[in-house]
Protein backbone atom coordinates (compact mmCIF):
# COMPACT_ATOMS: atom_id res chain seq x y z
CA MET A 1 -3.91 -14.58 6.27
CA ARG A 2 -4.93 -16.85 9.14
CA ALA A 3 -5.59 -13.69 11.15
CA ASP A 4 -8.07 -12.33 8.56
CA ARG A 5 -11.63 -11.99 9.84
CA SER A 6 -14.95 -11.02 8.29
CA ALA A 7 -17.26 -8.50 9.95
CA GLU A 8 -19.42 -11.28 11.36
CA ALA A 9 -16.40 -13.15 12.75
CA LEU A 10 -15.06 -9.95 14.30
CA ASP A 11 -18.41 -9.27 15.99
CA ALA A 12 -18.47 -12.79 17.44
CA GLU A 13 -14.88 -12.65 18.72
CA ILE A 14 -15.28 -9.16 20.19
CA ALA A 15 -18.38 -10.32 22.05
CA ARG A 16 -16.52 -13.40 23.29
CA MET A 17 -13.54 -11.33 24.49
CA LEU A 18 -15.79 -8.86 26.29
CA ALA A 19 -17.63 -11.71 27.98
CA GLU A 20 -14.31 -13.32 28.89
CA ALA A 21 -13.08 -10.02 30.34
CA ASP A 22 -16.21 -9.71 32.45
CA ALA A 23 -15.76 -13.27 33.71
CA THR A 24 -12.08 -12.62 34.48
CA ASP A 25 -12.94 -9.44 36.41
CA ALA A 26 -15.54 -11.33 38.41
CA ALA A 27 -13.10 -14.15 39.18
CA GLU A 28 -10.40 -11.69 40.27
CA ASP A 29 -12.86 -9.84 42.50
CA ALA A 30 -13.88 -13.13 44.08
CA ALA A 31 -10.25 -14.20 44.56
CA GLU A 32 -9.32 -10.90 46.20
CA ALA A 33 -12.36 -11.11 48.46
CA ALA A 34 -11.22 -14.57 49.53
CA GLY A 35 -7.69 -13.31 50.21
CA ARG A 36 -6.04 -15.03 47.23
CA GLY A 37 -3.99 -13.35 44.47
CA PRO A 38 -5.51 -13.47 40.97
CA ASP A 39 -4.04 -15.85 38.43
CA ASP A 40 -1.92 -14.36 35.64
CA PRO A 41 -4.46 -13.80 32.80
CA THR A 42 -1.67 -13.86 30.18
CA GLY A 43 -0.47 -17.33 31.08
CA GLY A 44 3.05 -15.96 31.67
CA VAL A 45 3.40 -14.51 28.15
CA ASP A 46 4.71 -10.96 28.00
CA GLY A 47 4.18 -8.25 25.41
CA PRO A 48 1.29 -6.61 23.57
CA LEU A 49 0.20 -9.85 21.87
CA ALA A 50 -0.53 -11.39 25.25
CA ASP A 51 -2.36 -8.35 26.58
CA PRO A 52 -6.09 -9.02 26.10
CA ARG A 53 -6.78 -5.27 26.05
CA SER A 54 -4.45 -4.62 23.10
CA ARG A 55 -5.84 -7.67 21.30
CA LEU A 56 -9.39 -6.40 21.80
CA ALA A 57 -8.30 -2.96 20.54
CA ARG A 58 -6.97 -4.48 17.32
CA PHE A 59 -10.21 -6.41 16.77
CA GLU A 60 -12.27 -3.28 17.42
CA GLU A 61 -10.12 -1.23 15.02
CA ALA A 62 -10.52 -3.89 12.31
CA ARG A 63 -14.28 -3.86 12.84
CA ARG A 64 -14.36 -0.04 12.80
CA GLN A 65 -12.59 0.00 9.42
CA LEU A 66 -15.07 -2.46 7.91
CA ALA A 67 -18.01 -0.46 9.29
CA ALA A 68 -16.55 2.76 7.86
CA GLU A 69 -16.18 1.15 4.43
CA ASP A 70 -19.75 -0.15 4.55
CA ALA A 71 -21.03 3.31 5.50
CA ALA A 72 -19.05 4.92 2.67
CA ARG A 73 -20.47 2.48 0.13
CA VAL A 74 -24.02 3.02 1.37
CA ALA A 75 -23.48 6.78 1.05
CA GLU A 76 -22.17 6.27 -2.48
CA VAL A 77 -25.26 4.28 -3.49
CA GLU A 78 -27.54 6.91 -1.95
CA ALA A 79 -25.72 9.64 -3.88
CA GLN A 80 -26.17 7.65 -7.11
CA LEU A 81 -29.88 7.32 -6.36
CA ALA A 82 -30.16 11.07 -5.74
CA ARG A 83 -28.39 11.89 -9.02
CA ARG A 84 -30.63 9.43 -10.84
CA ALA A 85 -33.77 11.00 -9.37
CA ALA A 86 -32.58 14.52 -10.25
CA ARG A 87 -31.83 13.46 -13.81
CA GLU A 88 -35.24 11.86 -14.21
CA ALA A 89 -36.94 14.95 -12.78
CA ALA A 90 -35.03 17.22 -15.16
CA THR A 91 -35.64 15.15 -18.30
CA GLY A 92 -39.03 13.71 -17.47
CA ARG A 93 -37.74 10.30 -18.57
CA ARG A 94 -37.02 7.22 -16.54
CA SER A 95 -33.40 6.08 -16.44
CA GLY A 96 -32.59 2.71 -17.94
CA GLY A 97 -31.28 -0.23 -15.98
CA GLN A 98 -31.94 -1.27 -12.43
CA PRO A 99 -31.33 1.42 -9.82
CA PRO A 100 -28.74 0.59 -7.14
CA ARG A 101 -30.17 -0.55 -3.82
CA ALA A 102 -28.76 0.92 -0.62
CA ASP A 103 -30.09 -2.06 1.36
CA ALA A 104 -28.25 -4.54 -0.83
CA VAL A 105 -24.74 -3.07 -0.77
CA ARG A 106 -22.06 -5.69 -1.20
CA ARG A 107 -18.39 -5.09 -0.59
CA ARG A 108 -16.78 -5.04 -4.01
CA THR A 109 -13.30 -5.93 -2.82
CA TRP A 110 -11.81 -7.44 0.27
CA ASP A 111 -14.43 -7.84 3.00
CA GLU A 112 -12.03 -8.87 5.76
CA ARG A 113 -9.48 -7.25 8.04
CA ASN A 114 -6.36 -8.66 9.62
CA THR A 115 -6.58 -8.73 13.42
CA THR A 116 -2.79 -8.70 13.80
CA ASP A 117 -2.43 -5.55 11.66
CA PRO A 118 -5.75 -3.92 10.67
CA ASP A 119 -3.91 -1.48 8.35
CA ALA A 120 -2.63 -4.34 6.15
CA ARG A 121 -4.59 -5.48 3.12
CA ARG A 122 -4.88 -8.64 1.09
CA MET A 123 -3.00 -8.40 -2.20
CA LYS A 124 -1.21 -10.55 -4.72
CA GLY A 125 2.26 -11.75 -3.83
CA ALA A 126 5.30 -11.29 -6.05
CA HIS A 127 5.27 -14.96 -7.11
CA GLY A 128 1.54 -15.55 -7.28
CA GLY A 129 -0.91 -16.35 -4.54
CA TRP A 130 -2.23 -13.94 -1.95
CA LEU A 131 -0.82 -12.44 1.21
CA THR A 132 -1.80 -9.90 3.82
CA GLY A 133 0.62 -7.00 3.71
CA TYR A 134 1.56 -3.73 2.05
CA ASN A 135 2.50 -2.42 -1.37
CA ALA A 136 6.06 -1.09 -1.09
CA GLN A 137 7.01 1.74 -3.46
CA ALA A 138 10.45 3.06 -4.40
CA VAL A 139 12.08 5.44 -6.84
CA VAL A 140 15.50 4.13 -7.93
CA ALA A 141 18.19 6.14 -9.73
CA LYS A 142 20.23 4.67 -12.55
CA ASP A 143 23.16 4.16 -10.15
CA GLY A 144 21.00 1.92 -7.94
CA LEU A 145 20.41 4.39 -5.11
CA VAL A 146 16.88 4.60 -3.74
CA LEU A 147 15.72 8.21 -4.03
CA ALA A 148 12.34 7.91 -2.32
CA THR A 149 10.22 5.30 -0.59
CA GLY A 150 6.56 4.84 0.13
CA LEU A 151 4.23 2.22 1.59
CA THR A 152 0.52 1.77 1.10
CA GLY A 153 -2.26 -0.66 1.79
CA GLN A 154 -3.62 0.06 -1.68
CA ALA A 155 -2.79 -2.65 -4.21
CA ALA A 156 -3.02 -0.38 -7.26
CA ASP A 157 0.22 1.38 -8.21
CA ALA A 158 -1.08 4.15 -10.47
CA PRO A 159 -2.27 6.52 -7.70
CA HIS A 160 1.23 6.63 -6.23
CA LEU A 161 3.25 7.79 -9.23
CA ALA A 162 2.73 11.52 -8.62
CA PRO A 163 3.50 11.54 -4.87
CA MET A 164 6.51 9.26 -5.30
CA LEU A 165 7.93 11.42 -8.09
CA ALA A 166 7.40 14.53 -5.97
CA ALA A 167 9.14 12.89 -3.02
CA ALA A 168 12.10 11.86 -5.18
CA GLU A 169 12.52 15.35 -6.63
CA ALA A 170 12.33 16.87 -3.14
CA ASN A 171 14.97 14.46 -1.83
CA VAL A 172 17.27 15.18 -4.78
CA ALA A 173 16.98 18.92 -4.12
CA ARG A 174 17.44 18.46 -0.38
CA ALA A 175 20.60 16.42 -0.94
CA GLY A 176 22.05 19.17 -3.12
CA LEU A 177 22.62 16.86 -6.07
CA ARG A 178 23.47 18.42 -9.41
CA GLY A 179 20.98 18.19 -12.25
CA SER A 180 17.48 16.76 -12.07
CA ILE A 181 15.58 13.60 -12.86
CA GLY A 182 15.62 13.41 -16.65
CA THR A 183 13.53 10.39 -17.56
CA LEU A 184 11.04 8.37 -15.57
CA LEU A 185 10.66 4.69 -16.49
CA ALA A 186 7.62 2.92 -15.08
CA ASP A 187 5.89 -0.38 -15.70
CA GLY A 188 2.33 -0.82 -16.89
CA GLY A 189 0.87 -0.67 -13.40
CA TYR A 190 1.48 3.07 -13.43
CA ARG A 191 -0.14 3.72 -16.83
CA SER A 192 -3.23 5.84 -16.44
CA GLU A 193 -4.64 8.83 -18.27
CA ALA A 194 -4.20 10.96 -15.13
CA ASN A 195 -0.52 10.00 -14.81
CA LEU A 196 0.22 10.59 -18.48
CA ALA A 197 -1.37 14.01 -18.19
CA LEU A 198 1.17 14.94 -15.49
CA GLU A 199 4.02 15.12 -18.00
CA GLY A 200 5.00 18.65 -18.87
CA PRO A 201 7.95 20.97 -19.43
CA ASP A 202 8.83 20.96 -15.73
CA THR A 203 8.62 17.19 -15.25
CA PRO A 204 10.86 14.33 -16.32
CA ARG A 205 10.17 12.68 -19.63
CA PHE A 206 7.80 9.74 -19.07
CA LEU A 207 8.28 6.27 -20.50
CA ILE A 208 5.45 4.13 -19.11
CA ALA A 209 4.63 0.74 -20.54
CA ALA A 210 1.12 -0.15 -21.60
CA GLY A 211 -0.99 -1.74 -18.90
CA PRO A 212 -2.87 -5.05 -19.18
CA ALA A 213 -5.95 -3.23 -20.53
CA ARG A 214 -5.02 -1.48 -23.77
CA SER A 215 -6.57 1.95 -24.11
CA ARG A 216 -7.22 3.99 -27.26
CA ARG A 217 -7.31 7.33 -25.47
CA PRO A 218 -5.13 10.09 -26.96
CA LEU A 219 -2.46 10.19 -24.26
CA ASP A 220 -2.16 6.40 -24.28
CA GLU A 221 -1.77 6.38 -28.03
CA ARG A 222 0.88 9.11 -27.82
CA MET A 223 2.85 7.10 -25.26
CA ASP A 224 2.55 3.95 -27.40
CA ARG A 225 3.95 5.85 -30.38
CA ARG A 226 6.80 7.16 -28.27
CA LEU A 227 7.72 3.69 -27.01
CA ALA A 228 7.58 2.33 -30.55
CA ARG A 229 10.58 4.49 -31.51
CA ALA A 230 14.01 2.89 -31.24
CA GLY A 231 15.54 5.35 -28.76
CA PRO A 232 12.78 5.37 -26.14
CA ARG A 233 12.29 1.63 -26.57
CA ALA A 234 15.98 1.01 -25.82
CA ALA A 235 15.85 3.35 -22.84
CA TYR A 236 12.80 1.60 -21.42
CA ARG A 237 14.52 -1.79 -21.63
CA ARG A 238 16.91 -0.54 -18.96
CA ARG A 239 14.10 -0.41 -16.40
CA LYS A 240 14.70 -3.99 -15.29
CA VAL A 241 18.42 -3.58 -14.75
CA ILE A 242 17.86 -0.32 -12.87
CA ALA A 243 14.83 -1.14 -10.74
CA GLU A 244 15.18 -4.82 -9.91
CA PRO A 245 18.75 -5.13 -8.50
CA PRO A 246 18.14 -2.95 -5.40
CA PHE A 247 15.04 -4.93 -4.55
CA GLY A 248 16.87 -8.21 -5.11
CA HIS A 249 19.68 -7.00 -2.83
CA ILE A 250 17.22 -6.02 -0.13
CA LYS A 251 15.38 -9.33 -0.31
CA GLU A 252 18.22 -11.77 -0.88
CA VAL A 253 21.28 -10.13 0.73
CA LEU A 254 19.67 -8.13 3.52
CA ARG A 255 17.04 -10.89 3.85
CA PHE A 256 14.26 -8.39 4.37
CA ARG A 257 11.09 -10.23 3.40
CA ARG A 258 8.71 -9.52 6.26
CA PHE A 259 7.92 -6.50 8.37
CA SER A 260 8.71 -6.87 12.05
CA ARG A 261 6.39 -4.04 13.07
CA ARG A 262 2.66 -3.46 12.78
CA GLY A 263 0.65 -0.56 11.45
CA LEU A 264 1.11 1.47 8.26
CA ALA A 265 3.22 4.23 9.83
CA ALA A 266 5.56 1.82 11.64
CA CYS A 267 6.01 -0.42 8.58
CA ALA A 268 6.61 2.61 6.35
CA SER A 269 9.45 3.74 8.61
CA GLU A 270 10.87 0.22 8.56
CA TRP A 271 10.76 0.17 4.75
CA THR A 272 12.55 3.53 4.62
CA LEU A 273 15.16 2.26 7.05
CA VAL A 274 15.98 -0.85 5.04
CA CYS A 275 16.25 1.20 1.83
CA THR A 276 18.60 3.57 3.65
CA VAL A 277 20.73 0.59 4.68
CA HIS A 278 20.83 -0.47 1.03
CA ASN A 279 22.04 3.00 0.04
CA LEU A 280 24.70 3.13 2.76
CA LEU A 281 26.07 -0.27 1.80
CA LYS A 282 26.23 0.80 -1.83
CA LEU A 283 28.05 4.01 -0.96
CA TRP A 284 30.46 2.13 1.29
CA ARG A 285 31.16 -0.56 -1.30
CA TYR A 286 31.78 1.68 -4.28
CA GLY A 287 32.83 4.90 -2.61
CA ALA A 288 30.85 8.11 -2.84
CA ARG A 289 33.40 9.69 -5.20
CA THR A 290 32.66 7.10 -7.90
CA LEU A 291 28.94 7.83 -7.94
CA PRO A 292 27.62 10.41 -10.42
CA GLY A 293 26.60 13.75 -9.01
CA ALA A 294 23.23 13.74 -10.71
CA PRO A 295 20.63 11.01 -10.35
CA GLY A 296 20.04 10.94 -14.11
CA PRO A 297 17.29 8.75 -15.51
CA SER A 298 15.28 7.11 -12.81
CA THR A 299 12.80 4.30 -12.60
CA HIS A 300 9.72 4.31 -10.48
CA GLY A 301 8.25 0.95 -9.64
CA PRO A 302 6.90 -1.20 -6.85
CA TRP A 303 8.82 -3.87 -5.08
CA GLY A 304 5.59 -5.75 -4.81
CA SER A 305 3.62 -6.79 -1.76
CA LEU A 306 5.38 -7.41 1.50
CA PRO A 307 3.68 -9.60 4.08
CA ALA A 308 2.76 -8.03 7.35
CA THR A 309 3.88 -9.72 10.53
CA GLY A 310 1.53 -12.41 11.71
């Protein structure tokens, strides 16, 4: 988080780096004119971190992302104002409350970017506190094999249930496994009306715990009634013993606690690689012939936030 910068700090550092680059160019030109070789601008340090051009590019990308978010929020406020004006014109009545002001937009969430990895986001760590990193997603079968992986800079889990379930089902079919995913167990972070509405005759049976904010909407109430029955309640209790062991193995045995790469795409491939290693070790240890042919009930849940490098 020491590499996090606000928009104002990014502007100041970008200006300083550009001025420093101009001064370096001028000094090198003067040295060459005098017949001397230019000094090493990196101080003898190799790699992209020492390259002032790549560092400037990361700062500029971080600033571009903040500017894009500001522009999107201004556009949102202007759209709200337009809808408000149209409603007032249609009804002939003034809307209640203060209208939003496009010139007073404030970032509602994180207003900084990380200059080491602009794709990373600030989110809560697994044991409290905050870190700059990614939200790692996984679908785990009842035998402990990881069926699908995903990585996002979005802290909320609910938007990722549908794509992760689709990825798991595609991988199961691609692997030629018998049967299909029968039951999906997910924690409260995945409870949303949209996710509950996904359940149908062609999907697994959903068992999703109630989130921190209790809802009285019909689909929520139906899921609460389902989880209140003895059978589904007993099945849901298995989520911990299915979902947590692979993540504990990856963290504690494989000692994977920090990404070594930067950028969402690179870190996502690293996350997939380490989950593949987990699967290979499990197959090697227990032997493929002892594993069930079908994935059976599965659990979909996040590993939590992983810190980005830097």
